[in-house]
Amino acid sequence: MELASFVKEKRKSVSLTQPELAEKAGVGLRFVRELEQGKQSLRIDKVNQVLRLFSYEVGAVPAKKENE
């Protein structure tokens, strides 16, 4: 699952609007919108601020090979 879809689904599952999520996570509304739209270059620390509300964080994981 893409990070953008994951965040959007988690947000909706707890009935939060984008502005509410931004406020609770301590990030800007624009950041939440860009995150949910799948912007390719976002600050990992801010992504983790949002994900921590759902008990998750971004971390290093093994990369999938091209043919997998």
Protein backbone atom coordinates (compact mmCIF):
# COMPACT_ATOMS: atom_id res chain seq x y z
CA MET A 1 0.00 0.00 0.00
CA GLU A 2 1.24 3.46 -0.85
CA LEU A 3 2.02 5.79 2.05
CA ALA A 4 -0.48 8.37 0.77
CA SER A 5 -3.34 5.85 0.76
CA PHE A 6 -2.28 4.46 4.13
CA VAL A 7 -2.39 7.88 5.82
CA LYS A 8 -5.70 8.80 4.21
CA GLU A 9 -7.32 5.50 5.24
CA LYS A 10 -6.01 5.77 8.81
CA ARG A 11 -7.22 9.37 9.06
CA LYS A 12 -10.68 8.46 7.84
CA SER A 13 -10.86 5.40 10.10
CA VAL A 14 -10.64 7.68 13.13
CA SER A 15 -12.96 10.30 11.60
CA LEU A 16 -10.44 13.12 11.34
CA THR A 17 -10.45 15.84 8.73
CA GLN A 18 -7.18 16.92 7.15
CA PRO A 19 -7.10 20.12 9.26
CA GLU A 20 -7.72 18.10 12.43
CA LEU A 21 -4.94 15.65 11.56
CA ALA A 22 -2.55 18.51 10.84
CA GLU A 23 -3.33 20.13 14.19
CA LYS A 24 -3.00 16.91 16.19
CA ALA A 25 0.27 15.98 14.46
CA GLY A 26 1.76 19.48 14.75
CA VAL A 27 2.26 19.88 11.01
CA GLY A 28 0.73 22.23 8.48
CA LEU A 29 -2.42 21.51 6.52
CA ARG A 30 -0.46 21.86 3.28
CA PHE A 31 1.89 19.11 4.46
CA VAL A 32 -1.01 16.73 5.16
CA ARG A 33 -2.51 17.45 1.76
CA GLU A 34 0.80 16.84 0.00
CA LEU A 35 1.34 13.65 2.00
CA GLU A 36 -2.07 12.29 1.05
CA GLN A 37 -1.52 13.28 -2.59
CA GLY A 38 1.69 11.26 -2.71
CA LYS A 39 4.23 14.04 -3.06
CA GLN A 40 7.60 12.38 -3.64
CA SER A 41 9.77 14.69 -1.52
CA LEU A 42 8.61 15.15 2.05
CA ARG A 43 10.54 15.51 5.29
CA ILE A 44 10.71 12.14 7.01
CA ASP A 45 10.57 13.70 10.47
CA LYS A 46 7.25 15.33 9.63
CA VAL A 47 5.93 12.15 8.02
CA ASN A 48 6.76 10.36 11.27
CA GLN A 49 4.96 13.05 13.30
CA VAL A 50 1.80 12.16 11.40
CA LEU A 51 2.35 8.40 11.48
CA ARG A 52 3.00 8.35 15.23
CA LEU A 53 -0.64 9.31 15.80
CA PHE A 54 -1.47 5.87 14.40
CA SER A 55 1.43 4.08 16.18
CA TYR A 56 3.56 3.78 13.02
CA GLU A 57 6.76 5.30 11.70
CA VAL A 58 8.82 5.26 8.52
CA GLY A 59 11.96 3.20 8.68
CA ALA A 60 14.52 1.40 6.57
CA VAL A 61 13.22 -1.82 5.04
CA PRO A 62 14.75 -4.16 2.48
CA ALA A 63 14.06 -3.00 -1.07
CA LYS A 64 12.14 -5.22 -3.43
CA LYS A 65 13.96 -6.34 -6.54
CA GLU A 66 12.67 -5.10 -9.90
CA ASN A 67 11.28 -8.51 -10.93
CA GLU A 68 9.47 -9.29 -7.66
